Amino acid sequence: MQSAAPQLRHLLKLLDDENPVVREAVRGKLTSMRRELPEELLALGEPLDEEQERLLSELLAPGCREELEETWLSWRWLSSPEAQL
């Protein structure tokens, strides 16, 4: 699998862009790579500063909340009590 590091560097530079169109595009790209994001951020070798962390959390929060709600509600339809746990 190819690293998303080059694209991620550009996206991180756009985190504080105030243009709503740019913010939505950045949110979409980061949300699509959300599962790989921790590893990709580590691979960059450049830790995020506090402001970048805050902005990234803000952008990803709606998607994370939606995924949590879907996962939480789906446990009831799992096949066994063990799976539900």
C-alpha atoms as a PDB file:
ATOM      1  CA  MET A   1       0.000   0.000   0.000  1.00  0.00           C
ATOM      2  CA  GLN A   2       1.373   3.402  -0.975  1.00  0.00           C
ATOM      3  CA  SER A   3       1.917   5.981   1.735  1.00  0.00           C
ATOM      4  CA  ALA A   4      -0.439   8.927   1.871  1.00  0.00           C
ATOM      5  CA  ALA A   5       2.313  11.102   3.373  1.00  0.00           C
ATOM      6  CA  PRO A   6       2.654  13.597   0.478  1.00  0.00           C
ATOM      7  CA  GLN A   7      -1.097  14.181   0.302  1.00  0.00           C
ATOM      8  CA  LEU A   8      -1.343  14.286   4.099  1.00  0.00           C
ATOM      9  CA  ARG A   9       1.316  17.005   4.327  1.00  0.00           C
ATOM     10  CA  HIS A  10      -0.744  19.200   1.994  1.00  0.00           C
ATOM     11  CA  LEU A  11      -3.960  18.476   3.866  1.00  0.00           C
ATOM     12  CA  LEU A  12      -2.364  19.413   7.192  1.00  0.00           C
ATOM     13  CA  LYS A  13      -1.283  22.753   5.728  1.00  0.00           C
ATOM     14  CA  LEU A  14      -4.916  23.418   4.796  1.00  0.00           C
ATOM     15  CA  LEU A  15      -6.376  22.591   8.231  1.00  0.00           C
ATOM     16  CA  ASP A  16      -6.748  26.252   9.186  1.00  0.00           C
ATOM     17  CA  ASP A  17      -8.091  27.433   5.834  1.00  0.00           C
ATOM     18  CA  GLU A  18     -11.249  29.450   6.461  1.00  0.00           C
ATOM     19  CA  ASN A  19     -12.816  28.835   3.050  1.00  0.00           C
ATOM     20  CA  PRO A  20     -15.801  26.497   3.623  1.00  0.00           C
ATOM     21  CA  VAL A  21     -15.242  24.729   0.307  1.00  0.00           C
ATOM     22  CA  VAL A  22     -11.614  24.000   1.173  1.00  0.00           C
ATOM     23  CA  ARG A  23     -12.542  22.892   4.708  1.00  0.00           C
ATOM     24  CA  GLU A  24     -15.166  20.484   3.365  1.00  0.00           C
ATOM     25  CA  ALA A  25     -12.717  19.036   0.831  1.00  0.00           C
ATOM     26  CA  VAL A  26     -10.066  18.595   3.535  1.00  0.00           C
ATOM     27  CA  ARG A  27     -12.654  17.008   5.852  1.00  0.00           C
ATOM     28  CA  GLY A  28     -13.673  14.566   3.118  1.00  0.00           C
ATOM     29  CA  LYS A  29     -10.115  13.510   2.343  1.00  0.00           C
ATOM     30  CA  LEU A  30      -9.112  13.154   6.000  1.00  0.00           C
ATOM     31  CA  THR A  31     -12.302  11.285   6.841  1.00  0.00           C
ATOM     32  CA  SER A  32     -11.660   8.817   4.023  1.00  0.00           C
ATOM     33  CA  MET A  33      -8.187   8.098   5.412  1.00  0.00           C
ATOM     34  CA  ARG A  34      -9.273   8.193   9.069  1.00  0.00           C
ATOM     35  CA  ARG A  35      -8.420   4.559   9.820  1.00  0.00           C
ATOM     36  CA  GLU A  36      -4.855   4.906   8.501  1.00  0.00           C
ATOM     37  CA  LEU A  37      -4.374   8.402   9.855  1.00  0.00           C
ATOM     38  CA  PRO A  38      -2.558   7.542  13.118  1.00  0.00           C
ATOM     39  CA  GLU A  39       0.044   5.443  11.278  1.00  0.00           C
ATOM     40  CA  GLU A  40       0.382   7.992   8.486  1.00  0.00           C
ATOM     41  CA  LEU A  41       0.895  10.815  10.984  1.00  0.00           C
ATOM     42  CA  LEU A  42       3.615   8.802  12.711  1.00  0.00           C
ATOM     43  CA  ALA A  43       5.239   8.059   9.359  1.00  0.00           C
ATOM     44  CA  LEU A  44       5.514  11.787   8.665  1.00  0.00           C
ATOM     45  CA  GLY A  45       7.962  12.042  11.550  1.00  0.00           C
ATOM     46  CA  GLU A  46       6.654  15.509  12.383  1.00  0.00           C
ATOM     47  CA  PRO A  47       4.347  15.679  15.384  1.00  0.00           C
ATOM     48  CA  LEU A  48       1.300  17.899  15.094  1.00  0.00           C
ATOM     49  CA  ASP A  49       1.276  21.057  17.143  1.00  0.00           C
ATOM     50  CA  GLU A  50      -1.630  21.755  19.520  1.00  0.00           C
ATOM     51  CA  GLU A  51      -3.508  23.864  16.985  1.00  0.00           C
ATOM     52  CA  GLN A  52      -3.222  21.193  14.282  1.00  0.00           C
ATOM     53  CA  GLU A  53      -4.438  18.543  16.732  1.00  0.00           C
ATOM     54  CA  ARG A  54      -7.416  20.701  17.689  1.00  0.00           C
ATOM     55  CA  LEU A  55      -8.340  21.446  14.082  1.00  0.00           C
ATOM     56  CA  LEU A  56      -7.940  17.807  13.050  1.00  0.00           C
ATOM     57  CA  SER A  57     -10.156  16.675  15.924  1.00  0.00           C
ATOM     58  CA  GLU A  58     -12.784  19.253  14.961  1.00  0.00           C
ATOM     59  CA  LEU A  59     -12.795  18.128  11.350  1.00  0.00           C
ATOM     60  CA  LEU A  60     -12.973  14.416  12.145  1.00  0.00           C
ATOM     61  CA  ALA A  61     -15.466  14.608  15.041  1.00  0.00           C
ATOM     62  CA  PRO A  62     -18.678  14.372  12.952  1.00  0.00           C
ATOM     63  CA  GLY A  63     -17.470  11.280  11.066  1.00  0.00           C
ATOM     64  CA  CYS A  64     -16.210   9.628  14.244  1.00  0.00           C
ATOM     65  CA  ARG A  65     -19.497  10.351  16.003  1.00  0.00           C
ATOM     66  CA  GLU A  66     -21.491   8.894  13.099  1.00  0.00           C
ATOM     67  CA  GLU A  67     -19.351   5.742  12.998  1.00  0.00           C
ATOM     68  CA  LEU A  68     -19.688   5.299  16.753  1.00  0.00           C
ATOM     69  CA  GLU A  69     -23.469   5.628  16.574  1.00  0.00           C
ATOM     70  CA  GLU A  70     -23.694   3.087  13.749  1.00  0.00           C
ATOM     71  CA  THR A  71     -21.417   0.649  15.539  1.00  0.00           C
ATOM     72  CA  TRP A  72     -23.189   1.108  18.840  1.00  0.00           C
ATOM     73  CA  LEU A  73     -26.619   0.477  17.344  1.00  0.00           C
ATOM     74  CA  SER A  74     -25.508  -2.565  15.339  1.00  0.00           C
ATOM     75  CA  TRP A  75     -24.459  -4.640  18.368  1.00  0.00           C
ATOM     76  CA  ARG A  76     -28.078  -5.680  18.948  1.00  0.00           C
ATOM     77  CA  TRP A  77     -28.151  -7.634  15.680  1.00  0.00           C
ATOM     78  CA  LEU A  78     -25.015  -9.652  16.311  1.00  0.00           C
ATOM     79  CA  SER A  79     -25.579 -13.405  16.353  1.00  0.00           C
ATOM     80  CA  SER A  80     -24.651 -14.301  19.923  1.00  0.00           C
ATOM     81  CA  PRO A  81     -24.279 -12.770  23.372  1.00  0.00           C
ATOM     82  CA  GLU A  82     -20.513 -13.349  23.112  1.00  0.00           C
ATOM     83  CA  ALA A  83     -20.329 -11.367  19.894  1.00  0.00           C
ATOM     84  CA  GLN A  84     -22.448  -8.634  21.440  1.00  0.00           C
ATOM     85  CA  LEU A  85     -19.945  -8.300  24.263  1.00  0.00           C
END
